[in-house]
PDB file of all heavy atoms in Angstrom:
ATOM      1  N   LYS A   1     -10.407 -13.758  -4.682  1.00  0.00           N
ATOM      2  CA  LYS A   1      -9.290 -14.332  -3.921  1.00  0.00           C
ATOM      3  C   LYS A   1      -7.988 -14.209  -4.678  1.00  0.00           C
ATOM      4  O   LYS A   1      -6.935 -13.889  -4.108  1.00  0.00           O
ATOM      5  CB  LYS A   1      -9.563 -15.810  -3.590  1.00  0.00           C
ATOM      6  CG  LYS A   1     -10.565 -16.023  -2.484  1.00  0.00           C
ATOM      7  CD  LYS A   1     -10.755 -17.521  -2.229  1.00  0.00           C
ATOM      8  CE  LYS A   1     -11.852 -17.781  -1.254  1.00  0.00           C
ATOM      9  NZ  LYS A   1     -12.092 -19.208  -1.037  1.00  0.00           N
ATOM     10  N   ASN A   2      -8.024 -14.456  -5.988  1.00  0.00           N
ATOM     11  CA  ASN A   2      -6.815 -14.334  -6.803  1.00  0.00           C
ATOM     12  C   ASN A   2      -6.312 -12.900  -6.859  1.00  0.00           C
ATOM     13  O   ASN A   2      -5.110 -12.643  -6.832  1.00  0.00           O
ATOM     14  CB  ASN A   2      -7.072 -14.883  -8.213  1.00  0.00           C
ATOM     15  CG  ASN A   2      -7.067 -16.396  -8.241  1.00  0.00           C
ATOM     16  OD1 ASN A   2      -6.479 -17.037  -7.392  1.00  0.00           O
ATOM     17  ND2 ASN A   2      -7.757 -16.954  -9.218  1.00  0.00           N
ATOM     18  N   PHE A   3      -7.243 -11.940  -6.979  1.00  0.00           N
ATOM     19  CA  PHE A   3      -6.847 -10.524  -6.970  1.00  0.00           C
ATOM     20  C   PHE A   3      -6.164 -10.145  -5.656  1.00  0.00           C
ATOM     21  O   PHE A   3      -5.169  -9.445  -5.627  1.00  0.00           O
ATOM     22  CB  PHE A   3      -8.059  -9.619  -7.165  1.00  0.00           C
ATOM     23  CG  PHE A   3      -8.540  -9.552  -8.594  1.00  0.00           C
ATOM     24  CD1 PHE A   3      -9.881  -9.302  -8.852  1.00  0.00           C
ATOM     25  CD2 PHE A   3      -7.679  -9.697  -9.668  1.00  0.00           C
ATOM     26  CE1 PHE A   3     -10.346  -9.222 -10.163  1.00  0.00           C
ATOM     27  CE2 PHE A   3      -8.129  -9.624 -10.971  1.00  0.00           C
ATOM     28  CZ  PHE A   3      -9.466  -9.383 -11.215  1.00  0.00           C
ATOM     29  N   ILE A   4      -6.714 -10.632  -4.547  1.00  0.00           N
ATOM     30  CA  ILE A   4      -6.135 -10.320  -3.222  1.00  0.00           C
ATOM     31  C   ILE A   4      -4.743 -10.954  -3.102  1.00  0.00           C
ATOM     32  O   ILE A   4      -3.805 -10.314  -2.621  1.00  0.00           O
ATOM     33  CB  ILE A   4      -7.098 -10.757  -2.100  1.00  0.00           C
ATOM     34  CG1 ILE A   4      -8.351  -9.869  -2.115  1.00  0.00           C
ATOM     35  CG2 ILE A   4      -6.415 -10.695  -0.736  1.00  0.00           C
ATOM     36  CD1 ILE A   4      -9.446 -10.322  -1.190  1.00  0.00           C
ATOM     37  N   LYS A   5      -4.622 -12.213  -3.534  1.00  0.00           N
ATOM     38  CA  LYS A   5      -3.315 -12.874  -3.479  1.00  0.00           C
ATOM     39  C   LYS A   5      -2.280 -12.113  -4.301  1.00  0.00           C
ATOM     40  O   LYS A   5      -1.147 -11.870  -3.867  1.00  0.00           O
ATOM     41  CB  LYS A   5      -3.419 -14.305  -4.048  1.00  0.00           C
ATOM     42  CG  LYS A   5      -3.821 -15.366  -3.102  1.00  0.00           C
ATOM     43  CD  LYS A   5      -3.689 -16.693  -3.834  1.00  0.00           C
ATOM     44  CE  LYS A   5      -4.393 -17.812  -3.125  1.00  0.00           C
ATOM     45  NZ  LYS A   5      -4.326 -19.071  -3.864  1.00  0.00           N
ATOM     46  N   THR A   6      -2.676 -11.724  -5.512  1.00  0.00           N
ATOM     47  CA  THR A   6      -1.761 -10.991  -6.396  1.00  0.00           C
ATOM     48  C   THR A   6      -1.364  -9.669  -5.770  1.00  0.00           C
ATOM     49  O   THR A   6      -0.190  -9.257  -5.801  1.00  0.00           O
ATOM     50  CB  THR A   6      -2.427 -10.750  -7.755  1.00  0.00           C
ATOM     51  OG1 THR A   6      -2.828 -11.999  -8.284  1.00  0.00           O
ATOM     52  CG2 THR A   6      -1.474 -10.081  -8.721  1.00  0.00           C
ATOM     53  N   ALA A   7      -2.335  -8.954  -5.169  1.00  0.00           N
ATOM     54  CA  ALA A   7      -2.030  -7.671  -4.539  1.00  0.00           C
ATOM     55  C   ALA A   7      -1.040  -7.853  -3.401  1.00  0.00           C
ATOM     56  O   ALA A   7      -0.062  -7.091  -3.277  1.00  0.00           O
ATOM     57  CB  ALA A   7      -3.331  -7.055  -4.033  1.00  0.00           C
ATOM     58  N   PHE A   8      -1.246  -8.859  -2.551  1.00  0.00           N
ATOM     59  CA  PHE A   8      -0.308  -9.084  -1.446  1.00  0.00           C
ATOM     60  C   PHE A   8       1.071  -9.516  -1.924  1.00  0.00           C
ATOM     61  O   PHE A   8       2.078  -9.134  -1.361  1.00  0.00           O
ATOM     62  CB  PHE A   8      -0.878 -10.087  -0.436  1.00  0.00           C
ATOM     63  CG  PHE A   8      -1.793  -9.467   0.553  1.00  0.00           C
ATOM     64  CD1 PHE A   8      -3.143  -9.788   0.579  1.00  0.00           C
ATOM     65  CD2 PHE A   8      -1.331  -8.532   1.468  1.00  0.00           C
ATOM     66  CE1 PHE A   8      -3.986  -9.210   1.480  1.00  0.00           C
ATOM     67  CE2 PHE A   8      -2.186  -7.936   2.379  1.00  0.00           C
ATOM     68  CZ  PHE A   8      -3.536  -8.284   2.396  1.00  0.00           C
ATOM     69  N   ARG A   9       1.115 -10.306  -2.980  1.00  0.00           N
ATOM     70  CA  ARG A   9       2.415 -10.685  -3.543  1.00  0.00           C
ATOM     71  C   ARG A   9       3.176  -9.469  -4.033  1.00  0.00           C
ATOM     72  O   ARG A   9       4.380  -9.337  -3.814  1.00  0.00           O
ATOM     73  CB  ARG A   9       2.236 -11.700  -4.694  1.00  0.00           C
ATOM     74  CG  ARG A   9       1.920 -13.077  -4.231  1.00  0.00           C
ATOM     75  CD  ARG A   9       1.775 -14.010  -5.411  1.00  0.00           C
ATOM     76  NE  ARG A   9       1.273 -15.313  -4.977  1.00  0.00           N
ATOM     77  CZ  ARG A   9       0.548 -16.107  -5.720  1.00  0.00           C
ATOM     78  NH1 ARG A   9       0.229 -15.774  -6.967  1.00  0.00           N
ATOM     79  NH2 ARG A   9       0.124 -17.258  -5.246  1.00  0.00           N
ATOM     80  N   ASN A  10       2.484  -8.591  -4.737  1.00  0.00           N
ATOM     81  CA  ASN A  10       3.120  -7.378  -5.239  1.00  0.00           C
ATOM     82  C   ASN A  10       3.549  -6.447  -4.088  1.00  0.00           C
ATOM     83  O   ASN A  10       4.615  -5.819  -4.159  1.00  0.00           O
ATOM     84  CB  ASN A  10       2.200  -6.633  -6.194  1.00  0.00           C
ATOM     85  CG  ASN A  10       2.110  -7.345  -7.550  1.00  0.00           C
ATOM     86  OD1 ASN A  10       3.011  -8.051  -7.930  1.00  0.00           O
ATOM     87  ND2 ASN A  10       0.974  -7.156  -8.218  1.00  0.00           N
ATOM     88  N   LEU A  11       2.721  -6.356  -3.061  1.00  0.00           N
ATOM     89  CA  LEU A  11       3.082  -5.543  -1.898  1.00  0.00           C
ATOM     90  C   LEU A  11       4.335  -6.110  -1.225  1.00  0.00           C
ATOM     91  O   LEU A  11       5.214  -5.371  -0.796  1.00  0.00           O
ATOM     92  CB  LEU A  11       1.930  -5.472  -0.899  1.00  0.00           C
ATOM     93  CG  LEU A  11       0.730  -4.605  -1.291  1.00  0.00           C
ATOM     94  CD1 LEU A  11      -0.379  -4.756  -0.291  1.00  0.00           C
ATOM     95  CD2 LEU A  11       1.139  -3.146  -1.407  1.00  0.00           C
ATOM     96  N   TRP A  12       4.383  -7.420  -1.102  1.00  0.00           N
ATOM     97  CA  TRP A  12       5.501  -8.074  -0.424  1.00  0.00           C
ATOM     98  C   TRP A  12       6.788  -7.983  -1.252  1.00  0.00           C
ATOM     99  O   TRP A  12       7.886  -7.839  -0.716  1.00  0.00           O
ATOM    100  CB  TRP A  12       5.148  -9.522  -0.147  1.00  0.00           C
ATOM    101  CG  TRP A  12       6.046 -10.130   0.899  1.00  0.00           C
ATOM    102  CD1 TRP A  12       7.004 -11.061   0.672  1.00  0.00           C
ATOM    103  CD2 TRP A  12       6.073  -9.846   2.282  1.00  0.00           C
ATOM    104  NE1 TRP A  12       7.638 -11.385   1.832  1.00  0.00           N
ATOM    105  CE2 TRP A  12       7.080 -10.650   2.853  1.00  0.00           C
ATOM    106  CE3 TRP A  12       5.360  -9.003   3.112  1.00  0.00           C
ATOM    107  CZ2 TRP A  12       7.393 -10.607   4.200  1.00  0.00           C
ATOM    108  CZ3 TRP A  12       5.668  -8.965   4.453  1.00  0.00           C
ATOM    109  CH2 TRP A  12       6.666  -9.772   4.969  1.00  0.00           C
ATOM    110  N   LYS A  13       6.644  -8.032  -2.572  1.00  0.00           N
ATOM    111  CA  LYS A  13       7.794  -7.995  -3.464  1.00  0.00           C
ATOM    112  C   LYS A  13       8.458  -6.617  -3.450  1.00  0.00           C
ATOM    113  O   LYS A  13       9.680  -6.513  -3.508  1.00  0.00           O
ATOM    114  CB  LYS A  13       7.358  -8.338  -4.898  1.00  0.00           C
ATOM    115  CG  LYS A  13       8.509  -8.648  -5.831  1.00  0.00           C
ATOM    116  CD  LYS A  13       8.102  -8.836  -7.262  1.00  0.00           C
ATOM    117  CE  LYS A  13       6.897  -9.711  -7.464  1.00  0.00           C
ATOM    118  NZ  LYS A  13       6.521  -9.859  -8.877  1.00  0.00           N
ATOM    119  N   THR A  14       7.667  -5.559  -3.362  1.00  0.00           N
ATOM    120  CA  THR A  14       8.193  -4.194  -3.371  1.00  0.00           C
ATOM    121  C   THR A  14       7.835  -3.535  -2.037  1.00  0.00           C
ATOM    122  O   THR A  14       7.004  -2.612  -1.970  1.00  0.00           O
ATOM    123  CB  THR A  14       7.595  -3.401  -4.543  1.00  0.00           C
ATOM    124  OG1 THR A  14       6.178  -3.443  -4.429  1.00  0.00           O
ATOM    125  CG2 THR A  14       8.026  -3.979  -5.876  1.00  0.00           C
ATOM    126  N   LYS A  15       8.482  -4.003  -0.970  1.00  0.00           N
ATOM    127  CA  LYS A  15       8.138  -3.551   0.392  1.00  0.00           C
ATOM    128  C   LYS A  15       8.339  -2.039   0.582  1.00  0.00           C
ATOM    129  O   LYS A  15       7.482  -1.371   1.127  1.00  0.00           O
ATOM    130  CB  LYS A  15       8.963  -4.312   1.410  1.00  0.00           C
ATOM    131  CG  LYS A  15       8.627  -5.757   1.537  1.00  0.00           C
ATOM    132  CD  LYS A  15       9.558  -6.431   2.521  1.00  0.00           C
ATOM    133  CE  LYS A  15       9.388  -7.912   2.422  1.00  0.00           C
ATOM    134  NZ  LYS A  15      10.388  -8.637   3.157  1.00  0.00           N
ATOM    135  N   GLY A  16       9.493  -1.555   0.173  1.00  0.00           N
ATOM    136  CA  GLY A  16       9.779  -0.130   0.393  1.00  0.00           C
ATOM    137  C   GLY A  16       8.828   0.774  -0.370  1.00  0.00           C
ATOM    138  O   GLY A  16       8.282   1.740   0.173  1.00  0.00           O
ATOM    139  N   TYR A  17       8.636   0.481  -1.634  1.00  0.00           N
ATOM    140  CA  TYR A  17       7.715   1.263  -2.461  1.00  0.00           C
ATOM    141  C   TYR A  17       6.283   1.163  -1.915  1.00  0.00           C
ATOM    142  O   TYR A  17       5.556   2.162  -1.842  1.00  0.00           O
ATOM    143  CB  TYR A  17       7.805   0.757  -3.898  1.00  0.00           C
ATOM    144  CG  TYR A  17       7.036   1.576  -4.878  1.00  0.00           C
ATOM    145  CD1 TYR A  17       7.434   2.863  -5.219  1.00  0.00           C
ATOM    146  CD2 TYR A  17       5.893   1.060  -5.480  1.00  0.00           C
ATOM    147  CE1 TYR A  17       6.720   3.615  -6.134  1.00  0.00           C
ATOM    148  CE2 TYR A  17       5.171   1.797  -6.391  1.00  0.00           C
ATOM    149  CZ  TYR A  17       5.593   3.088  -6.712  1.00  0.00           C
ATOM    150  OH  TYR A  17       4.868   3.821  -7.611  1.00  0.00           O
ATOM    151  N   SER A  18       5.883  -0.025  -1.506  1.00  0.00           N
ATOM    152  CA  SER A  18       4.552  -0.218  -0.943  1.00  0.00           C
ATOM    153  C   SER A  18       4.375   0.561   0.350  1.00  0.00           C
ATOM    154  O   SER A  18       3.332   1.185   0.557  1.00  0.00           O
ATOM    155  CB  SER A  18       4.293  -1.699  -0.677  1.00  0.00           C
ATOM    156  OG  SER A  18       4.371  -2.434  -1.858  1.00  0.00           O
ATOM    157  N   PHE A  19       5.398   0.540   1.202  1.00  0.00           N
ATOM    158  CA  PHE A  19       5.340   1.297   2.463  1.00  0.00           C
ATOM    159  C   PHE A  19       5.163   2.778   2.177  1.00  0.00           C
ATOM    160  O   PHE A  19       4.330   3.447   2.802  1.00  0.00           O
ATOM    161  CB  PHE A  19       6.600   1.060   3.306  1.00  0.00           C
ATOM    162  CG  PHE A  19       6.669   1.951   4.497  1.00  0.00           C
ATOM    163  CD1 PHE A  19       5.887   1.698   5.602  1.00  0.00           C
ATOM    164  CD2 PHE A  19       7.510   3.053   4.502  1.00  0.00           C
ATOM    165  CE1 PHE A  19       5.953   2.537   6.715  1.00  0.00           C
ATOM    166  CE2 PHE A  19       7.569   3.881   5.591  1.00  0.00           C
ATOM    167  CZ  PHE A  19       6.792   3.628   6.712  1.00  0.00           C
ATOM    168  N   LEU A  20       5.941   3.298   1.234  1.00  0.00           N
ATOM    169  CA  LEU A  20       5.841   4.736   0.911  1.00  0.00           C
ATOM    170  C   LEU A  20       4.446   5.083   0.400  1.00  0.00           C
ATOM    171  O   LEU A  20       3.873   6.103   0.773  1.00  0.00           O
ATOM    172  CB  LEU A  20       6.890   5.119  -0.126  1.00  0.00           C
ATOM    173  CG  LEU A  20       8.320   5.268   0.393  1.00  0.00           C
ATOM    174  CD1 LEU A  20       9.252   5.549  -0.770  1.00  0.00           C
ATOM    175  CD2 LEU A  20       8.397   6.377   1.411  1.00  0.00           C
ATOM    176  N   ASN A  21       3.902   4.251  -0.457  1.00  0.00           N
ATOM    177  CA  ASN A  21       2.571   4.509  -0.998  1.00  0.00           C
ATOM    178  C   ASN A  21       1.498   4.473   0.083  1.00  0.00           C
ATOM    179  O   ASN A  21       0.641   5.360   0.165  1.00  0.00           O
ATOM    180  CB  ASN A  21       2.228   3.511  -2.111  1.00  0.00           C
ATOM    181  CG  ASN A  21       2.830   3.902  -3.423  1.00  0.00           C
ATOM    182  OD1 ASN A  21       3.045   5.068  -3.682  1.00  0.00           O
ATOM    183  ND2 ASN A  21       3.081   2.914  -4.253  1.00  0.00           N
ATOM    184  N   ILE A  22       1.542   3.450   0.909  1.00  0.00           N
ATOM    185  CA  ILE A  22       0.522   3.293   1.955  1.00  0.00           C
ATOM    186  C   ILE A  22       0.686   4.395   3.017  1.00  0.00           C
ATOM    187  O   ILE A  22      -0.303   4.997   3.461  1.00  0.00           O
ATOM    188  CB  ILE A  22       0.589   1.898   2.594  1.00  0.00           C
ATOM    189  CG1 ILE A  22       0.168   0.866   1.538  1.00  0.00           C
ATOM    190  CG2 ILE A  22      -0.304   1.787   3.801  1.00  0.00           C
ATOM    191  CD1 ILE A  22       0.428  -0.560   1.931  1.00  0.00           C
ATOM    192  N   PHE A  23       1.929   4.695   3.394  1.00  0.00           N
ATOM    193  CA  PHE A  23       2.173   5.758   4.372  1.00  0.00           C
ATOM    194  C   PHE A  23       1.749   7.112   3.836  1.00  0.00           C
ATOM    195  O   PHE A  23       1.105   7.898   4.537  1.00  0.00           O
ATOM    196  CB  PHE A  23       3.665   5.769   4.757  1.00  0.00           C
ATOM    197  CG  PHE A  23       4.010   6.728   5.833  1.00  0.00           C
ATOM    198  CD1 PHE A  23       3.614   6.504   7.133  1.00  0.00           C
ATOM    199  CD2 PHE A  23       4.732   7.861   5.545  1.00  0.00           C
ATOM    200  CE1 PHE A  23       3.925   7.397   8.144  1.00  0.00           C
ATOM    201  CE2 PHE A  23       5.063   8.768   6.528  1.00  0.00           C
ATOM    202  CZ  PHE A  23       4.665   8.527   7.838  1.00  0.00           C
ATOM    203  N   GLY A  24       2.033   7.380   2.579  1.00  0.00           N
ATOM    204  CA  GLY A  24       1.626   8.653   1.966  1.00  0.00           C
ATOM    205  C   GLY A  24       0.129   8.771   1.872  1.00  0.00           C
ATOM    206  O   GLY A  24      -0.441   9.841   2.139  1.00  0.00           O
ATOM    207  N   LEU A  25      -0.538   7.687   1.552  1.00  0.00           N
ATOM    208  CA  LEU A  25      -2.008   7.689   1.515  1.00  0.00           C
ATOM    209  C   LEU A  25      -2.596   7.954   2.892  1.00  0.00           C
ATOM    210  O   LEU A  25      -3.522   8.737   3.034  1.00  0.00           O
ATOM    211  CB  LEU A  25      -2.511   6.355   0.959  1.00  0.00           C
ATOM    212  CG  LEU A  25      -4.017   6.225   0.827  1.00  0.00           C
ATOM    213  CD1 LEU A  25      -4.572   7.193  -0.158  1.00  0.00           C
ATOM    214  CD2 LEU A  25      -4.371   4.777   0.436  1.00  0.00           C
ATOM    215  N   ALA A  26      -2.025   7.315   3.912  1.00  0.00           N
ATOM    216  CA  ALA A  26      -2.508   7.516   5.283  1.00  0.00           C
ATOM    217  C   ALA A  26      -2.314   8.957   5.727  1.00  0.00           C
ATOM    218  O   ALA A  26      -3.211   9.554   6.320  1.00  0.00           O
ATOM    219  CB  ALA A  26      -1.779   6.561   6.238  1.00  0.00           C
ATOM    220  N   ILE A  27      -1.151   9.539   5.418  1.00  0.00           N
ATOM    221  CA  ILE A  27      -0.897  10.943   5.783  1.00  0.00           C
ATOM    222  C   ILE A  27      -1.860  11.863   5.042  1.00  0.00           C
ATOM    223  O   ILE A  27      -2.404  12.813   5.606  1.00  0.00           O
ATOM    224  CB  ILE A  27       0.571  11.331   5.465  1.00  0.00           C
ATOM    225  CG1 ILE A  27       1.529  10.531   6.373  1.00  0.00           C
ATOM    226  CG2 ILE A  27       0.810  12.809   5.606  1.00  0.00           C
ATOM    227  CD1 ILE A  27       1.423  10.882   7.817  1.00  0.00           C
ATOM    228  N   GLY A  28      -2.088  11.601   3.773  1.00  0.00           N
ATOM    229  CA  GLY A  28      -3.011  12.417   2.986  1.00  0.00           C
ATOM    230  C   GLY A  28      -4.438  12.362   3.499  1.00  0.00           C
ATOM    231  O   GLY A  28      -5.103  13.388   3.618  1.00  0.00           O
ATOM    232  N   ILE A  29      -4.894  11.177   3.839  1.00  0.00           N
ATOM    233  CA  ILE A  29      -6.247  11.022   4.393  1.00  0.00           C
ATOM    234  C   ILE A  29      -6.340  11.727   5.734  1.00  0.00           C
ATOM    235  O   ILE A  29      -7.344  12.421   6.032  1.00  0.00           O
ATOM    236  CB  ILE A  29      -6.630   9.537   4.492  1.00  0.00           C
ATOM    237  CG1 ILE A  29      -6.829   8.955   3.102  1.00  0.00           C
ATOM    238  CG2 ILE A  29      -7.894   9.353   5.338  1.00  0.00           C
ATOM    239  CD1 ILE A  29      -7.030   7.469   3.076  1.00  0.00           C
ATOM    240  N   ALA A  30      -5.322  11.582   6.591  1.00  0.00           N
ATOM    241  CA  ALA A  30      -5.337  12.252   7.910  1.00  0.00           C
ATOM    242  C   ALA A  30      -5.346  13.760   7.749  1.00  0.00           C
ATOM    243  O   ALA A  30      -6.109  14.466   8.434  1.00  0.00           O
ATOM    244  CB  ALA A  30      -4.146  11.798   8.721  1.00  0.00           C
ATOM    245  N   ALA A  31      -4.529  14.288   6.851  1.00  0.00           N
ATOM    246  CA  ALA A  31      -4.472  15.742   6.634  1.00  0.00           C
ATOM    247  C   ALA A  31      -5.817  16.259   6.083  1.00  0.00           C
ATOM    248  O   ALA A  31      -6.328  17.284   6.558  1.00  0.00           O
ATOM    249  CB  ALA A  31      -3.341  16.097   5.683  1.00  0.00           C
ATOM    250  N   ALA A  32      -6.389  15.561   5.140  1.00  0.00           N
ATOM    251  CA  ALA A  32      -7.675  15.972   4.574  1.00  0.00           C
ATOM    252  C   ALA A  32      -8.760  15.939   5.633  1.00  0.00           C
ATOM    253  O   ALA A  32      -9.614  16.831   5.687  1.00  0.00           O
ATOM    254  CB  ALA A  32      -8.050  15.084   3.406  1.00  0.00           C
ATOM    255  N   SER A  33      -8.718  14.933   6.515  1.00  0.00           N
ATOM    256  CA  SER A  33      -9.706  14.838   7.587  1.00  0.00           C
ATOM    257  C   SER A  33      -9.574  15.999   8.559  1.00  0.00           C
ATOM    258  O   SER A  33     -10.566  16.600   8.983  1.00  0.00           O
ATOM    259  CB  SER A  33      -9.563  13.525   8.337  1.00  0.00           C
ATOM    260  OG  SER A  33      -9.778  12.436   7.491  1.00  0.00           O
TER     261      SER A  33
END
């Protein structure tokens, strides 16, 4: 639970960077598929 809380806090703190990382990962997985 603490790991999940920390992860969400970090994602929320760096919204733009987090969006780029998650969006890039999604595009990479879609392209590989």
